[in-house]
Amino acid sequence: MMRHPLVWMGLLLWSVLGQASAAWTVNMHPGATDVSNAVFDLHMTIFWICVVIGVVVFGAMFWSMVVHRRSTGQQAAHFHEHTWVEILWTVVPLLILVAMAIPATKTLIDIYDASESDIDVQVTGYQWKWHYKYLGQDVEFFSNLATPAEQIHNQAPKDEHYLLEVDQPLVLPVGAKVRFLVTAADVIHSWWVPAFAVKRDAIPGFVNEAWTRIEKPGIYRGQCTELCGKDHGFMPVVVEVKSQADYDTWLGERKAEAAKLKELTSKAWTLQELVERGDKVYHTTCVACHQAEGQGLPPMFPALKGSKIATGPKEAHLGIVYHGKPGTAMAAFGKQLSEVDIAAVVTYERNAWGNDKGDMVTPQDVLALKQAEAK
C-alpha cells in the first residue's frame, strides 16, 4: 500500500529536478579574454588532477575492502613506521602540489600584471550604482539599474535580463588593455564580470587594480558581489565592447555631451524645465529610497511629500542633497550629480506631490555652493 505514495513522490521529485536542471550548470565558462581562458584551463587542469587522485585513492580503498575482506580468511598485516610508505605519502603529494602550483602561479602573475595599459578607468561603487571615469578623457558617468519598477514589484513579466540592465553601460574597445582602478565612496562593494575573470573589492579609501583585454565585441554582464546594503541585488555591471572605430565615435559623443553639460550650467532655466529634468533624475537616483510618490520608507527613508525639508528653506534642502546627512542613509550627492541635475532634482522635490513651493534652485546656486566649499 505504500508503493503509490512513494511512486507519486518519486515522480514529483523527478519533475522538479528535471525543470531545475535546465538552468543548472556544474562548470565554469571559458570567458571572453585570454586571462579568463587561462583561468578556465587552470580550473580544468586542477579538476582532472583531483579526478585522478580520487579514482586512485577510492579505487585502492574499494579494491582492498573487496579482496582483503574477512570472509575470505584474510589477516591484517602488522607493521610500524614503514620508511618507504612514509616517503611515498610525503613525496607524491609534494610533487602533485608542485605540478599544480606551476600553472597556477603563471596565471596569477598574468592576472596581477596591470602595467602598460591603453585605457585607465576608475570604477567607484556607490549605494547602489557604479561610477565610471575615463582617466585623461574628461568623460565620466553613473551606471544605474534600468529594470522597470513594475518588474521588480511583480506588476509586469520579468524580461531576459531582469536586474541586469543599466541605463549607461561601461563602453570599451576590442583589443585594448584596460586597467580598472576600483574603489568605493561609502561601503564595501565588489565589481565582478565573470566573462573577464575580473572581480575586485571596492573599498572606501583604497584602490585595487585589475585589467582586461576583450577579444570579442558584445555585451557582458556582472554584479556587485558584496552585501552592500538594502538594495545590494539592484547593482548590476554591464560592459558593452565595441570595435575601435565605434568606440572612438562613442567617446567623441560623450566628450561633446560633457562640454554641453558645462554650458547648461550657465543657462537661464525656467521652473518647468528644471522640474521636467528633475523628474528624470529623481526616478533614476532617488526613487529606490524615497519611492515614486515621495512617500519614503519610514523610518529609514523619510517621506519627501509634505516634509519640512522639501517645503522649508531651499538653502537647507540644497544642503541636504549636496552634503547628505551624517548618521543616516542619506548619501551626499555633491560629487555624484552635476550642478544641473542637483538643481533640477531639488526643484522637482519642492514642486512635486503637492509640495508646490513654486520656487527653484538654479545650477548657478549649486555652483556657488561648490565654489564656497572649495575655499
Protein backbone atom coordinates (compact mmCIF):
# COMPACT_ATOMS: atom_id res chain seq x y z
CA MET A 1 0.00 0.00 0.00
CA MET A 2 2.98 2.28 0.45
CA ARG A 3 4.06 1.97 -3.16
CA HIS A 4 1.60 4.50 -4.52
CA PRO A 5 2.70 7.42 -2.29
CA LEU A 6 6.35 6.58 -2.96
CA VAL A 7 5.74 6.46 -6.70
CA TRP A 8 3.97 9.83 -6.64
CA MET A 9 6.72 11.36 -4.51
CA GLY A 10 9.34 10.00 -6.91
CA LEU A 11 7.53 11.42 -9.94
CA LEU A 12 7.15 14.80 -8.24
CA LEU A 13 10.84 14.89 -7.31
CA TRP A 14 11.84 13.87 -10.84
CA SER A 15 9.64 16.62 -12.31
CA VAL A 16 11.05 19.32 -10.04
CA LEU A 17 14.65 18.30 -10.61
CA GLY A 18 14.08 17.97 -14.33
CA GLN A 19 12.81 21.54 -14.57
CA ALA A 20 15.53 22.92 -12.30
CA SER A 21 18.32 21.20 -14.22
CA ALA A 22 17.59 23.30 -17.32
CA ALA A 23 19.22 26.32 -15.63
CA TRP A 24 21.73 24.36 -13.54
CA THR A 25 25.33 24.03 -14.68
CA VAL A 26 28.28 22.45 -12.93
CA ASN A 27 31.20 24.05 -14.71
CA MET A 28 32.75 27.43 -15.44
CA HIS A 29 32.67 29.20 -18.81
CA PRO A 30 35.85 29.99 -20.77
CA GLY A 31 35.01 33.71 -20.96
CA ALA A 32 35.97 36.40 -23.49
CA THR A 33 39.59 37.22 -22.58
CA ASP A 34 42.95 35.46 -22.56
CA VAL A 35 43.03 35.62 -18.76
CA SER A 36 39.54 34.15 -18.37
CA ASN A 37 40.50 31.32 -20.73
CA ALA A 38 43.70 30.75 -18.73
CA VAL A 39 41.61 30.60 -15.54
CA PHE A 40 39.27 28.10 -17.18
CA ASP A 41 42.18 25.95 -18.37
CA LEU A 42 43.72 26.06 -14.89
CA HIS A 43 40.39 25.07 -13.37
CA MET A 44 40.07 22.09 -15.71
CA THR A 45 43.69 21.02 -15.09
CA ILE A 46 43.17 21.02 -11.32
CA PHE A 47 39.80 19.32 -11.77
CA TRP A 48 41.28 16.38 -13.72
CA ILE A 49 44.17 16.05 -11.28
CA CYS A 50 41.61 15.77 -8.49
CA VAL A 51 39.63 13.23 -10.53
CA VAL A 52 42.74 11.06 -10.98
CA ILE A 53 43.57 11.32 -7.27
CA GLY A 54 40.01 10.40 -6.36
CA VAL A 55 39.97 7.40 -8.71
CA VAL A 56 43.32 6.11 -7.41
CA VAL A 57 42.53 6.61 -3.71
CA PHE A 58 38.97 5.30 -3.76
CA GLY A 59 39.93 2.54 -6.19
CA ALA A 60 42.63 1.33 -3.78
CA MET A 61 40.18 1.53 -0.88
CA PHE A 62 37.45 -0.45 -2.60
CA TRP A 63 39.94 -2.98 -4.01
CA SER A 64 41.35 -3.54 -0.52
CA MET A 65 37.90 -3.89 1.01
CA VAL A 66 36.82 -6.44 -1.61
CA VAL A 67 40.00 -8.53 -1.99
CA HIS A 68 41.03 -8.48 1.65
CA ARG A 69 37.63 -8.87 3.29
CA ARG A 70 37.37 -11.03 6.42
CA SER A 71 35.01 -13.56 4.81
CA THR A 72 37.88 -14.83 2.62
CA GLY A 73 40.04 -15.50 5.67
CA GLN A 74 42.40 -12.58 5.15
CA GLN A 75 44.50 -11.47 8.12
CA ALA A 76 45.62 -7.87 8.60
CA ALA A 77 49.37 -7.30 8.40
CA HIS A 78 51.08 -5.68 11.38
CA PHE A 79 53.88 -3.17 10.74
CA HIS A 80 55.07 0.10 12.26
CA GLU A 81 56.99 3.06 10.81
CA HIS A 82 57.37 1.73 7.29
CA THR A 83 60.02 4.03 5.82
CA TRP A 84 59.11 3.68 2.15
CA VAL A 85 55.39 4.22 2.82
CA GLU A 86 56.14 7.43 4.73
CA ILE A 87 58.45 8.64 1.97
CA LEU A 88 55.83 7.91 -0.67
CA TRP A 89 52.95 9.67 1.08
CA THR A 90 55.20 12.71 1.60
CA VAL A 91 56.90 12.92 -1.78
CA VAL A 92 53.92 12.08 -4.02
CA PRO A 93 51.61 14.82 -2.61
CA LEU A 94 54.53 17.26 -2.77
CA LEU A 95 55.08 16.52 -6.45
CA ILE A 96 51.36 16.88 -7.12
CA LEU A 97 51.27 20.27 -5.38
CA VAL A 98 54.29 21.48 -7.36
CA ALA A 99 52.65 20.34 -10.61
CA MET A 100 49.53 22.31 -9.64
CA ALA A 101 51.46 25.37 -8.43
CA ILE A 102 53.37 25.97 -11.68
CA PRO A 103 50.36 26.78 -13.94
CA ALA A 104 48.55 28.49 -11.03
CA THR A 105 51.48 30.83 -10.42
CA LYS A 106 51.77 31.68 -14.11
CA THR A 107 48.05 32.53 -14.27
CA LEU A 108 48.21 34.66 -11.09
CA ILE A 109 51.18 36.61 -12.47
CA ASP A 110 49.14 37.39 -15.61
CA ILE A 111 46.08 38.37 -13.56
CA TYR A 112 48.01 40.93 -11.49
CA ASP A 113 50.06 42.43 -14.33
CA ALA A 114 48.15 45.68 -14.93
CA SER A 115 51.12 47.54 -16.41
CA GLU A 116 51.27 49.24 -19.83
CA SER A 117 47.53 49.77 -20.14
CA ASP A 118 45.93 51.52 -23.11
CA ILE A 119 42.91 52.82 -21.17
CA ASP A 120 42.51 53.57 -17.46
CA VAL A 121 39.01 53.50 -15.97
CA GLN A 122 38.28 54.45 -12.38
CA VAL A 123 35.41 52.35 -11.03
CA THR A 124 33.74 53.72 -7.90
CA GLY A 125 30.97 51.91 -6.05
CA TYR A 126 28.07 53.86 -4.56
CA GLN A 127 24.90 52.61 -2.90
CA TRP A 128 23.61 51.33 -5.31
CA LYS A 129 25.25 52.23 -8.59
CA TRP A 130 28.63 52.37 -10.30
CA HIS A 131 30.55 55.46 -11.35
CA TYR A 132 32.94 55.19 -14.30
CA LYS A 133 35.62 57.78 -15.03
CA TYR A 134 37.86 57.51 -18.10
CA LEU A 135 41.10 58.99 -16.79
CA GLY A 136 42.60 61.61 -19.06
CA GLN A 137 39.50 61.75 -21.28
CA ASP A 138 37.21 64.12 -19.32
CA VAL A 139 34.41 61.53 -19.55
CA GLU A 140 32.58 60.15 -16.52
CA PHE A 141 29.08 58.95 -15.72
CA PHE A 142 26.97 56.87 -13.37
CA SER A 143 25.54 53.49 -14.33
CA ASN A 144 22.16 52.85 -12.69
CA LEU A 145 19.80 49.89 -12.69
CA ALA A 146 17.36 50.19 -15.62
CA THR A 147 14.95 47.36 -14.79
CA PRO A 148 11.42 48.86 -14.63
CA ALA A 149 9.90 49.11 -11.17
CA GLU A 150 6.84 47.19 -12.45
CA GLN A 151 9.01 44.09 -12.96
CA ILE A 152 10.61 44.43 -9.53
CA HIS A 153 7.21 44.64 -7.84
CA ASN A 154 5.77 41.75 -9.90
CA GLN A 155 3.39 44.03 -11.77
CA ALA A 156 4.84 43.08 -15.16
CA PRO A 157 6.57 39.98 -16.58
CA LYS A 158 10.32 39.84 -15.96
CA ASP A 159 12.45 40.03 -19.09
CA GLU A 160 15.55 38.03 -20.00
CA HIS A 161 17.97 40.38 -18.27
CA TYR A 162 15.95 41.10 -15.15
CA LEU A 163 18.05 43.15 -12.67
CA LEU A 164 20.96 43.04 -15.14
CA GLU A 165 20.16 46.11 -17.26
CA VAL A 166 21.61 49.59 -16.75
CA ASP A 167 20.92 53.00 -18.21
CA GLN A 168 24.55 53.62 -19.20
CA PRO A 169 26.91 50.66 -19.64
CA LEU A 170 30.67 50.87 -19.43
CA VAL A 171 31.92 51.03 -23.02
CA LEU A 172 35.31 49.58 -24.00
CA PRO A 173 37.12 48.84 -27.29
CA VAL A 174 38.12 45.42 -28.56
CA GLY A 175 41.80 44.50 -28.19
CA ALA A 176 42.82 47.34 -25.85
CA LYS A 177 44.38 46.63 -22.47
CA VAL A 178 42.08 48.27 -19.95
CA ARG A 179 43.17 48.90 -16.38
CA PHE A 180 40.48 49.23 -13.72
CA LEU A 181 41.14 51.27 -10.57
CA VAL A 182 38.42 50.06 -8.21
CA THR A 183 37.33 51.92 -5.07
CA ALA A 184 34.14 52.91 -3.21
CA ALA A 185 32.61 56.09 -1.83
CA ASP A 186 30.51 54.71 1.03
CA VAL A 187 30.60 50.99 1.92
CA ILE A 188 32.42 47.94 0.58
CA HIS A 189 31.29 46.82 -2.89
CA SER A 190 32.77 44.30 -5.32
CA TRP A 191 32.98 44.76 -9.11
CA TRP A 192 32.62 41.44 -10.90
CA VAL A 193 32.36 40.47 -14.58
CA PRO A 194 32.64 36.65 -14.94
CA ALA A 195 33.44 36.71 -18.67
CA PHE A 196 36.56 38.81 -17.95
CA ALA A 197 37.66 36.81 -14.88
CA VAL A 198 37.74 40.17 -13.08
CA LYS A 199 36.49 40.52 -9.52
CA ARG A 200 37.85 43.26 -7.28
CA ASP A 201 36.61 44.57 -3.95
CA ALA A 202 35.75 48.26 -3.93
CA ILE A 203 36.80 49.57 -0.50
CA PRO A 204 36.50 53.20 0.67
CA GLY A 205 39.95 54.76 0.99
CA PHE A 206 41.68 52.01 -1.01
CA VAL A 207 42.31 51.49 -4.73
CA ASN A 208 42.51 47.96 -6.11
CA GLU A 209 43.81 47.23 -9.60
CA ALA A 210 42.55 44.83 -12.24
CA TRP A 211 42.81 44.64 -16.00
CA THR A 212 41.33 43.01 -19.06
CA ARG A 213 41.71 42.76 -22.82
CA ILE A 214 38.46 41.71 -24.50
CA GLU A 215 38.72 39.75 -27.72
CA LYS A 216 35.12 39.86 -28.98
CA PRO A 217 32.55 42.67 -29.28
CA GLY A 218 29.37 42.16 -27.31
CA ILE A 219 27.60 42.88 -24.05
CA TYR A 220 28.96 41.32 -20.87
CA ARG A 221 27.13 41.37 -17.54
CA GLY A 222 28.11 41.09 -13.92
CA GLN A 223 27.03 42.21 -10.47
CA CYS A 224 28.18 43.62 -7.18
CA THR A 225 29.18 40.55 -5.16
CA GLU A 226 29.40 42.20 -1.74
CA LEU A 227 26.44 42.60 0.61
CA CYS A 228 26.49 46.40 0.40
CA GLY A 229 23.08 47.28 1.80
CA LYS A 230 19.33 47.06 1.33
CA ASP A 231 19.41 47.16 -2.47
CA HIS A 232 22.53 45.03 -2.94
CA GLY A 233 20.77 42.95 -5.60
CA PHE A 234 19.99 46.09 -7.65
CA MET A 235 23.59 46.98 -8.57
CA PRO A 236 24.45 45.26 -11.86
CA VAL A 237 27.51 45.72 -14.05
CA VAL A 238 27.09 45.93 -17.83
CA VAL A 239 30.04 46.32 -20.20
CA GLU A 240 29.49 46.98 -23.89
CA VAL A 241 32.51 46.14 -26.05
CA LYS A 242 32.73 47.89 -29.41
CA SER A 243 35.12 47.93 -32.33
CA GLN A 244 37.83 50.58 -32.09
CA ALA A 245 36.10 52.80 -34.66
CA ASP A 246 32.73 52.59 -32.88
CA TYR A 247 34.42 53.20 -29.52
CA ASP A 248 36.14 56.33 -30.86
CA THR A 249 32.79 57.60 -32.14
CA TRP A 250 31.13 56.93 -28.77
CA LEU A 251 33.96 58.62 -26.87
CA GLY A 252 33.69 61.69 -29.08
CA GLU A 253 29.95 61.88 -28.44
CA ARG A 254 30.47 61.61 -24.67
CA LYS A 255 33.05 64.40 -24.73
CA ALA A 256 30.60 66.57 -26.65
CA GLU A 257 27.89 65.80 -24.09
CA ALA A 258 30.23 66.73 -21.24
CA ALA A 259 31.02 70.05 -22.91
CA LYS A 260 27.30 70.68 -23.47
CA LEU A 261 26.54 69.93 -19.84
CA LYS A 262 29.04 72.57 -18.75
CA GLU A 263 27.27 75.05 -20.99
CA LEU A 264 23.92 74.14 -19.40
CA THR A 265 25.21 75.29 -16.02
CA SER A 266 25.20 78.89 -17.22
CA LYS A 267 21.84 78.60 -18.99
CA ALA A 268 18.84 80.60 -17.70
CA TRP A 269 16.49 77.75 -16.72
CA THR A 270 12.76 78.05 -16.23
CA LEU A 271 10.89 76.35 -13.40
CA GLN A 272 9.16 73.98 -15.81
CA GLU A 273 12.43 72.93 -17.45
CA LEU A 274 14.04 72.16 -14.11
CA VAL A 275 11.01 70.19 -12.91
CA GLU A 276 10.98 68.07 -16.10
CA ARG A 277 14.68 67.30 -15.82
CA GLY A 278 14.40 66.75 -12.07
CA ASP A 279 11.63 64.20 -12.64
CA LYS A 280 14.06 62.04 -14.65
CA VAL A 281 16.89 62.49 -12.15
CA TYR A 282 14.65 61.64 -9.19
CA HIS A 283 13.29 58.46 -10.78
CA THR A 284 16.83 57.36 -11.63
CA THR A 285 18.67 58.30 -8.46
CA CYS A 286 16.26 58.84 -5.56
CA VAL A 287 13.23 56.64 -6.17
CA ALA A 288 14.66 53.47 -4.59
CA CYS A 289 14.72 55.08 -1.14
CA HIS A 290 12.10 57.83 -1.26
CA GLN A 291 9.66 55.97 -3.55
CA ALA A 292 7.83 57.10 -6.66
CA GLU A 293 5.30 59.35 -4.89
CA GLY A 294 7.73 60.73 -2.33
CA GLN A 295 6.19 58.64 0.47
CA GLY A 296 9.55 57.20 1.53
CA LEU A 297 10.12 54.09 3.61
CA PRO A 298 9.98 55.42 7.20
CA PRO A 299 11.82 55.47 9.50
CA MET A 300 15.00 54.77 7.50
CA PHE A 301 13.97 56.76 4.41
CA PRO A 302 11.64 59.62 5.38
CA ALA A 303 8.88 60.89 3.14
CA LEU A 304 9.56 63.96 0.98
CA LYS A 305 5.91 64.63 0.32
CA GLY A 306 4.95 67.42 2.71
CA SER A 307 8.26 67.15 4.58
CA LYS A 308 9.92 70.04 6.42
CA ILE A 309 12.96 69.71 4.16
CA ALA A 310 11.10 69.82 0.83
CA THR A 311 8.76 72.61 1.94
CA GLY A 312 11.24 74.59 4.05
CA PRO A 313 14.03 76.98 3.04
CA LYS A 314 15.53 75.95 -0.28
CA GLU A 315 19.07 76.56 1.01
CA ALA A 316 18.61 73.88 3.68
CA HIS A 317 17.07 71.50 1.11
CA LEU A 318 20.01 72.02 -1.26
CA GLY A 319 22.46 71.48 1.62
CA ILE A 320 20.92 68.09 2.50
CA VAL A 321 21.07 66.87 -1.10
CA TYR A 322 24.59 68.20 -1.62
CA HIS A 323 26.16 67.13 1.69
CA GLY A 324 23.96 64.23 2.73
CA LYS A 325 23.07 63.68 6.38
CA PRO A 326 25.68 62.04 8.64
CA GLY A 327 24.43 59.10 10.67
CA THR A 328 21.63 58.32 8.22
CA ALA A 329 21.26 56.52 4.88
CA MET A 330 21.08 59.87 3.06
CA ALA A 331 24.13 60.00 0.80
CA ALA A 332 25.95 63.14 -0.32
CA PHE A 333 25.18 63.84 -3.99
CA GLY A 334 27.53 66.80 -4.40
CA LYS A 335 30.11 64.62 -6.15
CA GLN A 336 27.62 62.23 -7.72
CA LEU A 337 25.46 64.60 -9.76
CA SER A 338 26.20 67.60 -11.95
CA GLU A 339 25.21 71.13 -10.90
CA VAL A 340 22.31 70.97 -13.35
CA ASP A 341 20.98 67.66 -12.06
CA ILE A 342 21.26 68.69 -8.39
CA ALA A 343 19.39 71.89 -9.09
CA ALA A 344 16.77 70.01 -11.11
CA VAL A 345 16.08 67.29 -8.54
CA VAL A 346 15.82 69.77 -5.65
CA THR A 347 13.44 71.90 -7.69
CA TYR A 348 11.40 68.83 -8.61
CA GLU A 349 11.09 67.69 -4.98
CA ARG A 350 9.90 71.15 -3.94
CA ASN A 351 7.19 71.19 -6.60
CA ALA A 352 6.02 67.55 -6.78
CA TRP A 353 3.38 65.54 -4.88
CA GLY A 354 1.51 68.65 -3.78
CA ASN A 355 4.50 70.41 -2.22
CA ASP A 356 4.01 73.21 -4.81
CA LYS A 357 6.52 75.68 -3.36
CA GLY A 358 6.77 77.50 -6.68
CA ASP A 359 10.45 78.32 -6.18
CA MET A 360 13.52 76.78 -7.75
CA VAL A 361 17.21 76.13 -7.21
CA THR A 362 19.35 77.02 -10.24
CA PRO A 363 22.60 75.43 -11.40
CA GLN A 364 24.31 78.70 -10.53
CA ASP A 365 23.16 78.27 -6.91
CA VAL A 366 24.76 74.81 -6.82
CA LEU A 367 27.95 76.11 -8.47
CA ALA A 368 28.17 78.90 -5.89
CA LEU A 369 27.83 76.33 -3.08
CA LYS A 370 30.51 74.15 -4.67
CA GLN A 371 32.90 77.10 -5.05
CA ALA A 372 32.29 78.15 -1.44
CA GLU A 373 33.11 74.60 -0.30
CA ALA A 374 36.36 74.67 -2.27
CA LYS A 375 37.65 77.79 -0.47
